[in-house]
Amino acid sequence: MEELEIKKWNYGKYSSTNYGSHTQAIQIGKLTLYFSYDTVVAFRHPDMGMVVCENVFSTTTGKHLNWLEPDKKKRVKYDEFKKKLNEILEKHNLKVR
């Protein structure tokens, strides 16, 4: 059985630690999931690189997305993002609720 290293950290540029829990990244082996609040809004994996969702959420999540990928033209449409996310999660036998 493959041993996976798991790490968790906050991304972004909040000036106060009170907001850090809103922008968390979790790395499981080679897969990194980026959360805005409780929603996965981006992920990175060697098979797909960095994949960032378009902002269909809120102004605050938009700020989080800007930290992850400032070029909005590189962001993926929401339906395509969900498809790619599910594909990579299934590959690793993972599920986001």
PDB file of N, CA and C in Angstrom:
ATOM      1  N   MET A   1       0.845  -1.184   0.000  1.00  0.00           N
ATOM      2  CA  MET A   1       0.000   0.000   0.000  1.00  0.00           C
ATOM      3  C   MET A   1       0.890   1.247   0.000  1.00  0.00           C
ATOM      4  N   GLU A   2       0.552   2.193  -0.882  1.00  0.00           N
ATOM      5  CA  GLU A   2       1.319   3.431  -0.981  1.00  0.00           C
ATOM      6  C   GLU A   2       1.063   4.320   0.232  1.00  0.00           C
ATOM      7  N   GLU A   3       2.148   4.835   0.779  1.00  0.00           N
ATOM      8  CA  GLU A   3       2.042   5.739   1.925  1.00  0.00           C
ATOM      9  C   GLU A   3       1.934   7.170   1.388  1.00  0.00           C
ATOM     10  N   LEU A   4       0.916   7.896   1.799  1.00  0.00           N
ATOM     11  CA  LEU A   4       0.697   9.259   1.332  1.00  0.00           C
ATOM     12  C   LEU A   4       1.001  10.259   2.442  1.00  0.00           C
ATOM     13  N   GLU A   5       1.720  11.295   2.076  1.00  0.00           N
ATOM     14  CA  GLU A   5       1.961  12.380   3.015  1.00  0.00           C
ATOM     15  C   GLU A   5       0.806  13.374   2.893  1.00  0.00           C
ATOM     16  N   ILE A   6       0.291  13.835   4.020  1.00  0.00           N
ATOM     17  CA  ILE A   6      -0.812  14.794   4.030  1.00  0.00           C
ATOM     18  C   ILE A   6      -0.338  16.062   4.737  1.00  0.00           C
ATOM     19  N   LYS A   7      -0.565  17.217   4.075  1.00  0.00           N
ATOM     20  CA  LYS A   7      -0.209  18.515   4.643  1.00  0.00           C
ATOM     21  C   LYS A   7      -1.403  19.462   4.518  1.00  0.00           C
ATOM     22  N   LYS A   8      -1.449  20.444   5.401  1.00  0.00           N
ATOM     23  CA  LYS A   8      -2.515  21.449   5.364  1.00  0.00           C
ATOM     24  C   LYS A   8      -1.899  22.810   5.665  1.00  0.00           C
ATOM     25  N   TRP A   9      -2.298  23.841   4.919  1.00  0.00           N
ATOM     26  CA  TRP A   9      -1.809  25.188   5.168  1.00  0.00           C
ATOM     27  C   TRP A   9      -2.819  26.208   4.647  1.00  0.00           C
ATOM     28  N   ASN A  10      -2.599  27.462   4.991  1.00  0.00           N
ATOM     29  CA  ASN A  10      -3.438  28.557   4.519  1.00  0.00           C
ATOM     30  C   ASN A  10      -2.715  29.257   3.383  1.00  0.00           C
ATOM     31  N   TYR A  11      -3.429  29.593   2.322  1.00  0.00           N
ATOM     32  CA  TYR A  11      -2.868  30.351   1.221  1.00  0.00           C
ATOM     33  C   TYR A  11      -3.477  31.747   1.232  1.00  0.00           C
ATOM     34  N   GLY A  12      -2.917  32.653   0.481  1.00  0.00           N
ATOM     35  CA  GLY A  12      -3.498  33.985   0.353  1.00  0.00           C
ATOM     36  C   GLY A  12      -2.752  35.029   1.133  1.00  0.00           C
ATOM     37  N   LYS A  13      -3.313  36.227   1.126  1.00  0.00           N
ATOM     38  CA  LYS A  13      -2.636  37.395   1.676  1.00  0.00           C
ATOM     39  C   LYS A  13      -3.486  38.114   2.713  1.00  0.00           C
ATOM     40  N   TYR A  14      -4.141  37.383   3.554  1.00  0.00           N
ATOM     41  CA  TYR A  14      -4.911  38.047   4.602  1.00  0.00           C
ATOM     42  C   TYR A  14      -3.961  38.679   5.603  1.00  0.00           C
ATOM     43  N   SER A  15      -4.252  39.903   6.006  1.00  0.00           N
ATOM     44  CA  SER A  15      -3.387  40.587   6.967  1.00  0.00           C
ATOM     45  C   SER A  15      -3.699  40.157   8.391  1.00  0.00           C
ATOM     46  N   SER A  16      -4.806  39.488   8.593  1.00  0.00           N
ATOM     47  CA  SER A  16      -5.197  39.017   9.920  1.00  0.00           C
ATOM     48  C   SER A  16      -5.340  37.499   9.905  1.00  0.00           C
ATOM     49  N   THR A  17      -4.888  36.855  10.956  1.00  0.00           N
ATOM     50  CA  THR A  17      -5.011  35.400  11.042  1.00  0.00           C
ATOM     51  C   THR A  17      -6.458  34.972  11.255  1.00  0.00           C
ATOM     52  N   ASN A  18      -7.356  35.896  11.590  1.00  0.00           N
ATOM     53  CA  ASN A  18      -8.763  35.554  11.786  1.00  0.00           C
ATOM     54  C   ASN A  18      -9.396  34.998  10.520  1.00  0.00           C
ATOM     55  N   TYR A  19      -8.852  35.371   9.360  1.00  0.00           N
ATOM     56  CA  TYR A  19      -9.459  34.971   8.091  1.00  0.00           C
ATOM     57  C   TYR A  19      -8.780  33.773   7.456  1.00  0.00           C
ATOM     58  N   GLY A  20      -7.677  33.323   8.002  1.00  0.00           N
ATOM     59  CA  GLY A  20      -6.895  32.259   7.401  1.00  0.00           C
ATOM     60  C   GLY A  20      -7.648  30.969   7.201  1.00  0.00           C
ATOM     61  N   SER A  21      -8.617  30.687   8.048  1.00  0.00           N
ATOM     62  CA  SER A  21      -9.353  29.427   7.910  1.00  0.00           C
ATOM     63  C   SER A  21     -10.245  29.419   6.674  1.00  0.00           C
ATOM     64  N   HIS A  22     -10.449  30.568   6.048  1.00  0.00           N
ATOM     65  CA  HIS A  22     -11.280  30.636   4.839  1.00  0.00           C
ATOM     66  C   HIS A  22     -10.524  30.198   3.592  1.00  0.00           C
ATOM     67  N   THR A  23      -9.195  30.161   3.674  1.00  0.00           N
ATOM     68  CA  THR A  23      -8.368  29.826   2.513  1.00  0.00           C
ATOM     69  C   THR A  23      -7.397  28.724   2.906  1.00  0.00           C
ATOM     70  N   GLN A  24      -7.845  27.502   2.800  1.00  0.00           N
ATOM     71  CA  GLN A  24      -7.002  26.373   3.184  1.00  0.00           C
ATOM     72  C   GLN A  24      -6.656  25.517   1.975  1.00  0.00           C
ATOM     73  N   ALA A  25      -5.451  24.987   2.014  1.00  0.00           N
ATOM     74  CA  ALA A  25      -5.001  24.040   1.005  1.00  0.00           C
ATOM     75  C   ALA A  25      -4.663  22.743   1.725  1.00  0.00           C
ATOM     76  N   ILE A  26      -5.028  21.644   1.112  1.00  0.00           N
ATOM     77  CA  ILE A  26      -4.728  20.325   1.670  1.00  0.00           C
ATOM     78  C   ILE A  26      -4.044  19.513   0.581  1.00  0.00           C
ATOM     79  N   GLN A  27      -2.871  19.021   0.904  1.00  0.00           N
ATOM     80  CA  GLN A  27      -2.126  18.178  -0.026  1.00  0.00           C
ATOM     81  C   GLN A  27      -2.211  16.738   0.442  1.00  0.00           C
ATOM     82  N   ILE A  28      -2.618  15.866  -0.468  1.00  0.00           N
ATOM     83  CA  ILE A  28      -2.692  14.430  -0.211  1.00  0.00           C
ATOM     84  C   ILE A  28      -1.841  13.772  -1.282  1.00  0.00           C
ATOM     85  N   GLY A  29      -0.660  13.356  -0.919  1.00  0.00           N
ATOM     86  CA  GLY A  29       0.257  12.825  -1.921  1.00  0.00           C
ATOM     87  C   GLY A  29       0.577  13.902  -2.938  1.00  0.00           C
ATOM     88  N   LYS A  30       0.328  13.622  -4.220  1.00  0.00           N
ATOM     89  CA  LYS A  30       0.621  14.569  -5.301  1.00  0.00           C
ATOM     90  C   LYS A  30      -0.535  15.517  -5.607  1.00  0.00           C
ATOM     91  N   LEU A  31      -1.667  15.330  -4.953  1.00  0.00           N
ATOM     92  CA  LEU A  31      -2.858  16.135  -5.195  1.00  0.00           C
ATOM     93  C   LEU A  31      -2.985  17.219  -4.133  1.00  0.00           C
ATOM     94  N   THR A  32      -3.160  18.464  -4.579  1.00  0.00           N
ATOM     95  CA  THR A  32      -3.417  19.567  -3.652  1.00  0.00           C
ATOM     96  C   THR A  32      -4.774  20.164  -3.977  1.00  0.00           C
ATOM     97  N   LEU A  33      -5.620  20.272  -2.964  1.00  0.00           N
ATOM     98  CA  LEU A  33      -6.952  20.872  -3.095  1.00  0.00           C
ATOM     99  C   LEU A  33      -6.930  22.236  -2.418  1.00  0.00           C
ATOM    100  N   TYR A  34      -7.453  23.248  -3.094  1.00  0.00           N
ATOM    101  CA  TYR A  34      -7.530  24.603  -2.553  1.00  0.00           C
ATOM    102  C   TYR A  34      -8.992  24.924  -2.256  1.00  0.00           C
ATOM    103  N   PHE A  35      -9.247  25.293  -1.014  1.00  0.00           N
ATOM    104  CA  PHE A  35     -10.605  25.573  -0.557  1.00  0.00           C
ATOM    105  C   PHE A  35     -10.813  27.064  -0.350  1.00  0.00           C
ATOM    106  N   SER A  36     -11.992  27.542  -0.675  1.00  0.00           N
ATOM    107  CA  SER A  36     -12.489  28.832  -0.252  1.00  0.00           C
ATOM    108  C   SER A  36     -13.672  28.496   0.642  1.00  0.00           C
ATOM    109  N   TYR A  37     -13.520  28.775   1.904  1.00  0.00           N
ATOM    110  CA  TYR A  37     -14.474  28.302   2.905  1.00  0.00           C
ATOM    111  C   TYR A  37     -14.529  26.773   2.826  1.00  0.00           C
ATOM    112  N   ASP A  38     -15.666  26.173   2.530  1.00  0.00           N
ATOM    113  CA  ASP A  38     -15.765  24.713   2.484  1.00  0.00           C
ATOM    114  C   ASP A  38     -15.834  24.160   1.054  1.00  0.00           C
ATOM    115  N   THR A  39     -15.531  24.994   0.072  1.00  0.00           N
ATOM    116  CA  THR A  39     -15.669  24.611  -1.327  1.00  0.00           C
ATOM    117  C   THR A  39     -14.305  24.501  -2.002  1.00  0.00           C
ATOM    118  N   VAL A  40     -14.090  23.407  -2.709  1.00  0.00           N
ATOM    119  CA  VAL A  40     -12.872  23.273  -3.510  1.00  0.00           C
ATOM    120  C   VAL A  40     -13.023  24.193  -4.719  1.00  0.00           C
ATOM    121  N   VAL A  41     -12.090  25.137  -4.875  1.00  0.00           N
ATOM    122  CA  VAL A  41     -12.148  26.094  -5.981  1.00  0.00           C
ATOM    123  C   VAL A  41     -10.978  25.929  -6.945  1.00  0.00           C
ATOM    124  N   ALA A  42     -10.005  25.096  -6.559  1.00  0.00           N
ATOM    125  CA  ALA A  42      -8.853  24.841  -7.421  1.00  0.00           C
ATOM    126  C   ALA A  42      -8.166  23.571  -6.944  1.00  0.00           C
ATOM    127  N   PHE A  43      -7.375  23.002  -7.836  1.00  0.00           N
ATOM    128  CA  PHE A  43      -6.550  21.867  -7.443  1.00  0.00           C
ATOM    129  C   PHE A  43      -5.311  21.819  -8.326  1.00  0.00           C
ATOM    130  N   ARG A  44      -4.295  21.126  -7.821  1.00  0.00           N
ATOM    131  CA  ARG A  44      -3.060  20.928  -8.574  1.00  0.00           C
ATOM    132  C   ARG A  44      -2.699  19.455  -8.514  1.00  0.00           C
ATOM    133  N   HIS A  45      -2.348  18.918  -9.682  1.00  0.00           N
ATOM    134  CA  HIS A  45      -1.916  17.524  -9.775  1.00  0.00           C
ATOM    135  C   HIS A  45      -0.989  17.419 -10.986  1.00  0.00           C
ATOM    136  N   PRO A  46       0.065  16.602 -10.899  1.00  0.00           N
ATOM    137  CA  PRO A  46       0.986  16.487 -12.031  1.00  0.00           C
ATOM    138  C   PRO A  46       0.308  16.108 -13.356  1.00  0.00           C
ATOM    139  N   ASP A  47      -0.776  15.361 -13.308  1.00  0.00           N
ATOM    140  CA  ASP A  47      -1.469  14.953 -14.538  1.00  0.00           C
ATOM    141  C   ASP A  47      -2.200  16.109 -15.226  1.00  0.00           C
ATOM    142  N   MET A  48      -2.617  17.126 -14.455  1.00  0.00           N
ATOM    143  CA  MET A  48      -3.421  18.216 -15.019  1.00  0.00           C
ATOM    144  C   MET A  48      -2.838  19.599 -14.756  1.00  0.00           C
ATOM    145  N   GLY A  49      -1.826  19.702 -13.919  1.00  0.00           N
ATOM    146  CA  GLY A  49      -1.300  21.010 -13.544  1.00  0.00           C
ATOM    147  C   GLY A  49      -2.252  21.701 -12.583  1.00  0.00           C
ATOM    148  N   MET A  50      -2.203  23.019 -12.572  1.00  0.00           N
ATOM    149  CA  MET A  50      -3.086  23.819 -11.717  1.00  0.00           C
ATOM    150  C   MET A  50      -4.383  24.067 -12.467  1.00  0.00           C
ATOM    151  N   VAL A  51      -5.520  23.730 -11.837  1.00  0.00           N
ATOM    152  CA  VAL A  51      -6.838  23.932 -12.431  1.00  0.00           C
ATOM    153  C   VAL A  51      -7.636  24.803 -11.460  1.00  0.00           C
ATOM    154  N   VAL A  52      -8.048  25.980 -11.933  1.00  0.00           N
ATOM    155  CA  VAL A  52      -8.764  26.943 -11.096  1.00  0.00           C
ATOM    156  C   VAL A  52     -10.129  27.206 -11.707  1.00  0.00           C
ATOM    157  N   CYS A  53     -11.142  27.174 -10.876  1.00  0.00           N
ATOM    158  CA  CYS A  53     -12.522  27.392 -11.322  1.00  0.00           C
ATOM    159  C   CYS A  53     -12.793  28.872 -11.562  1.00  0.00           C
ATOM    160  N   GLU A  54     -13.672  29.152 -12.520  1.00  0.00           N
ATOM    161  CA  GLU A  54     -14.175  30.517 -12.677  1.00  0.00           C
ATOM    162  C   GLU A  54     -14.946  30.888 -11.413  1.00  0.00           C
ATOM    163  N   ASN A  55     -15.142  32.170 -11.177  1.00  0.00           N
ATOM    164  CA  ASN A  55     -15.871  32.589  -9.986  1.00  0.00           C
ATOM    165  C   ASN A  55     -17.374  32.576 -10.240  1.00  0.00           C
ATOM    166  N   VAL A  56     -18.035  31.572  -9.677  1.00  0.00           N
ATOM    167  CA  VAL A  56     -19.495  31.506  -9.701  1.00  0.00           C
ATOM    168  C   VAL A  56     -20.008  31.597  -8.257  1.00  0.00           C
ATOM    169  N   PHE A  57     -19.151  32.069  -7.366  1.00  0.00           N
ATOM    170  CA  PHE A  57     -19.438  32.019  -5.938  1.00  0.00           C
ATOM    171  C   PHE A  57     -19.726  33.406  -5.368  1.00  0.00           C
ATOM    172  N   SER A  58     -18.712  34.077  -4.853  1.00  0.00           N
ATOM    173  CA  SER A  58     -18.926  35.365  -4.188  1.00  0.00           C
ATOM    174  C   SER A  58     -17.731  36.281  -4.425  1.00  0.00           C
ATOM    175  N   THR A  59     -17.876  37.529  -3.991  1.00  0.00           N
ATOM    176  CA  THR A  59     -16.782  38.491  -4.101  1.00  0.00           C
ATOM    177  C   THR A  59     -15.572  38.030  -3.297  1.00  0.00           C
ATOM    178  N   THR A  60     -15.810  37.521  -2.110  1.00  0.00           N
ATOM    179  CA  THR A  60     -14.704  37.063  -1.272  1.00  0.00           C
ATOM    180  C   THR A  60     -13.998  35.873  -1.916  1.00  0.00           C
ATOM    181  N   THR A  61     -14.748  34.913  -2.427  1.00  0.00           N
ATOM    182  CA  THR A  61     -14.131  33.782  -3.110  1.00  0.00           C
ATOM    183  C   THR A  61     -13.395  34.266  -4.356  1.00  0.00           C
ATOM    184  N   GLY A  62     -13.899  35.292  -4.998  1.00  0.00           N
ATOM    185  CA  GLY A  62     -13.198  35.892  -6.134  1.00  0.00           C
ATOM    186  C   GLY A  62     -11.812  36.374  -5.740  1.00  0.00           C
ATOM    187  N   LYS A  63     -11.705  36.953  -4.553  1.00  0.00           N
ATOM    188  CA  LYS A  63     -10.400  37.383  -4.041  1.00  0.00           C
ATOM    189  C   LYS A  63      -9.485  36.174  -3.858  1.00  0.00           C
ATOM    190  N   HIS A  64     -10.028  35.097  -3.324  1.00  0.00           N
ATOM    191  CA  HIS A  64      -9.238  33.876  -3.135  1.00  0.00           C
ATOM    192  C   HIS A  64      -8.774  33.339  -4.486  1.00  0.00           C
ATOM    193  N   LEU A  65      -9.659  33.343  -5.476  1.00  0.00           N
ATOM    194  CA  LEU A  65      -9.308  32.869  -6.812  1.00  0.00           C
ATOM    195  C   LEU A  65      -8.224  33.737  -7.442  1.00  0.00           C
ATOM    196  N   ASN A  66      -8.269  35.040  -7.188  1.00  0.00           N
ATOM    197  CA  ASN A  66      -7.237  35.941  -7.711  1.00  0.00           C
ATOM    198  C   ASN A  66      -5.864  35.607  -7.143  1.00  0.00           C
ATOM    199  N   TRP A  67      -5.812  35.150  -5.907  1.00  0.00           N
ATOM    200  CA  TRP A  67      -4.533  34.743  -5.324  1.00  0.00           C
ATOM    201  C   TRP A  67      -4.013  33.484  -6.009  1.00  0.00           C
ATOM    202  N   LEU A  68      -4.912  32.592  -6.369  1.00  0.00           N
ATOM    203  CA  LEU A  68      -4.522  31.327  -6.984  1.00  0.00           C
ATOM    204  C   LEU A  68      -4.197  31.485  -8.468  1.00  0.00           C
ATOM    205  N   GLU A  69      -5.003  32.271  -9.180  1.00  0.00           N
ATOM    206  CA  GLU A  69      -4.793  32.498 -10.624  1.00  0.00           C
ATOM    207  C   GLU A  69      -5.326  33.867 -10.996  1.00  0.00           C
ATOM    208  N   PRO A  70      -4.443  34.865 -11.032  1.00  0.00           N
ATOM    209  CA  PRO A  70      -4.905  36.222 -11.349  1.00  0.00           C
ATOM    210  C   PRO A  70      -5.429  36.385 -12.778  1.00  0.00           C
ATOM    211  N   ASP A  71      -4.976  35.550 -13.702  1.00  0.00           N
ATOM    212  CA  ASP A  71      -5.422  35.649 -15.095  1.00  0.00           C
ATOM    213  C   ASP A  71      -6.755  34.900 -15.256  1.00  0.00           C
ATOM    214  N   LYS A  72      -7.830  35.641 -15.309  1.00  0.00           N
ATOM    215  CA  LYS A  72      -9.168  35.036 -15.385  1.00  0.00           C
ATOM    216  C   LYS A  72      -9.369  34.204 -16.649  1.00  0.00           C
ATOM    217  N   LYS A  73      -8.612  34.480 -17.699  1.00  0.00           N
ATOM    218  CA  LYS A  73      -8.729  33.708 -18.950  1.00  0.00           C
ATOM    219  C   LYS A  73      -8.220  32.278 -18.771  1.00  0.00           C
ATOM    220  N   LYS A  74      -7.425  32.032 -17.758  1.00  0.00           N
ATOM    221  CA  LYS A  74      -6.884  30.695 -17.518  1.00  0.00           C
ATOM    222  C   LYS A  74      -7.796  29.852 -16.627  1.00  0.00           C
ATOM    223  N   ARG A  75      -8.824  30.472 -16.084  1.00  0.00           N
ATOM    224  CA  ARG A  75      -9.742  29.731 -15.218  1.00  0.00           C
ATOM    225  C   ARG A  75     -10.704  28.882 -16.049  1.00  0.00           C
ATOM    226  N   VAL A  76     -11.177  27.810 -15.443  1.00  0.00           N
ATOM    227  CA  VAL A  76     -12.006  26.821 -16.128  1.00  0.00           C
ATOM    228  C   VAL A  76     -13.481  27.060 -15.790  1.00  0.00           C
ATOM    229  N   LYS A  77     -14.333  26.924 -16.791  1.00  0.00           N
ATOM    230  CA  LYS A  77     -15.781  27.021 -16.558  1.00  0.00           C
ATOM    231  C   LYS A  77     -16.192  26.048 -15.460  1.00  0.00           C
ATOM    232  N   TYR A  78     -17.197  26.424 -14.694  1.00  0.00           N
ATOM    233  CA  TYR A  78     -17.603  25.661 -13.512  1.00  0.00           C
ATOM    234  C   TYR A  78     -17.896  24.189 -13.818  1.00  0.00           C
ATOM    235  N   ASP A  79     -18.684  23.914 -14.853  1.00  0.00           N
ATOM    236  CA  ASP A  79     -19.030  22.520 -15.178  1.00  0.00           C
ATOM    237  C   ASP A  79     -17.792  21.710 -15.554  1.00  0.00           C
ATOM    238  N   GLU A  80     -16.892  22.321 -16.311  1.00  0.00           N
ATOM    239  CA  GLU A  80     -15.651  21.643 -16.698  1.00  0.00           C
ATOM    240  C   GLU A  80     -14.758  21.421 -15.472  1.00  0.00           C
ATOM    241  N   PHE A  81     -14.730  22.400 -14.577  1.00  0.00           N
ATOM    242  CA  PHE A  81     -13.948  22.267 -13.347  1.00  0.00           C
ATOM    243  C   PHE A  81     -14.450  21.080 -12.521  1.00  0.00           C
ATOM    244  N   LYS A  82     -15.775  20.995 -12.332  1.00  0.00           N
ATOM    245  CA  LYS A  82     -16.343  19.878 -11.560  1.00  0.00           C
ATOM    246  C   LYS A  82     -15.989  18.541 -12.199  1.00  0.00           C
ATOM    247  N   LYS A  83     -16.052  18.468 -13.526  1.00  0.00           N
ATOM    248  CA  LYS A  83     -15.729  17.245 -14.238  1.00  0.00           C
ATOM    249  C   LYS A  83     -14.266  16.851 -14.007  1.00  0.00           C
ATOM    250  N   LYS A  84     -13.358  17.794 -14.156  1.00  0.00           N
ATOM    251  CA  LYS A  84     -11.930  17.518 -13.961  1.00  0.00           C
ATOM    252  C   LYS A  84     -11.631  17.156 -12.510  1.00  0.00           C
ATOM    253  N   LEU A  85     -12.270  17.866 -11.576  1.00  0.00           N
ATOM    254  CA  LEU A  85     -12.063  17.575 -10.158  1.00  0.00           C
ATOM    255  C   LEU A  85     -12.529  16.159  -9.832  1.00  0.00           C
ATOM    256  N   ASN A  86     -13.724  15.807 -10.274  1.00  0.00           N
ATOM    257  CA  ASN A  86     -14.239  14.457 -10.010  1.00  0.00           C
ATOM    258  C   ASN A  86     -13.357  13.387 -10.643  1.00  0.00           C
ATOM    259  N   GLU A  87     -12.854  13.670 -11.827  1.00  0.00           N
ATOM    260  CA  GLU A  87     -11.971  12.720 -12.515  1.00  0.00           C
ATOM    261  C   GLU A  87     -10.705  12.455 -11.698  1.00  0.00           C
ATOM    262  N   ILE A  88     -10.079  13.502 -11.211  1.00  0.00           N
ATOM    263  CA  ILE A  88      -8.835  13.331 -10.459  1.00  0.00           C
ATOM    264  C   ILE A  88      -9.105  12.736  -9.081  1.00  0.00           C
ATOM    265  N   LEU A  89     -10.232  13.073  -8.468  1.00  0.00           N
ATOM    266  CA  LEU A  89     -10.578  12.492  -7.170  1.00  0.00           C
ATOM    267  C   LEU A  89     -10.842  10.994  -7.303  1.00  0.00           C
ATOM    268  N   GLU A  90     -11.598  10.614  -8.334  1.00  0.00           N
ATOM    269  CA  GLU A  90     -11.883   9.188  -8.544  1.00  0.00           C
ATOM    270  C   GLU A  90     -10.595   8.400  -8.781  1.00  0.00           C
ATOM    271  N   LYS A  91      -9.664   9.005  -9.479  1.00  0.00           N
ATOM    272  CA  LYS A  91      -8.380   8.349  -9.743  1.00  0.00           C
ATOM    273  C   LYS A  91      -7.667   7.995  -8.438  1.00  0.00           C
ATOM    274  N   HIS A  92      -7.889   8.823  -7.414  1.00  0.00           N
ATOM    275  CA  HIS A  92      -7.247   8.597  -6.111  1.00  0.00           C
ATOM    276  C   HIS A  92      -8.201   8.025  -5.067  1.00  0.00           C
ATOM    277  N   ASN A  93      -9.373   7.593  -5.536  1.00  0.00           N
ATOM    278  CA  ASN A  93     -10.375   7.015  -4.646  1.00  0.00           C
ATOM    279  C   ASN A  93     -10.757   7.992  -3.519  1.00  0.00           C
ATOM    280  N   LEU A  94     -10.943   9.257  -3.887  1.00  0.00           N
ATOM    281  CA  LEU A  94     -11.310  10.292  -2.927  1.00  0.00           C
ATOM    282  C   LEU A  94     -12.654  10.899  -3.339  1.00  0.00           C
ATOM    283  N   LYS A  95     -13.284  11.562  -2.380  1.00  0.00           N
ATOM    284  CA  LYS A  95     -14.577  12.201  -2.626  1.00  0.00           C
ATOM    285  C   LYS A  95     -14.659  13.451  -1.758  1.00  0.00           C
ATOM    286  N   VAL A  96     -15.123  14.554  -2.331  1.00  0.00           N
ATOM    287  CA  VAL A  96     -15.346  15.779  -1.565  1.00  0.00           C
ATOM    288  C   VAL A  96     -16.832  15.923  -1.342  1.00  0.00           C
ATOM    289  N   ARG A  97     -17.222  16.169  -0.117  1.00  0.00           N
ATOM    290  CA  ARG A  97     -18.650  16.320   0.200  1.00  0.00           C
ATOM    291  C   ARG A  97     -19.002  17.758   0.330  1.00  0.00           C
TER     292      ARG A  97
END
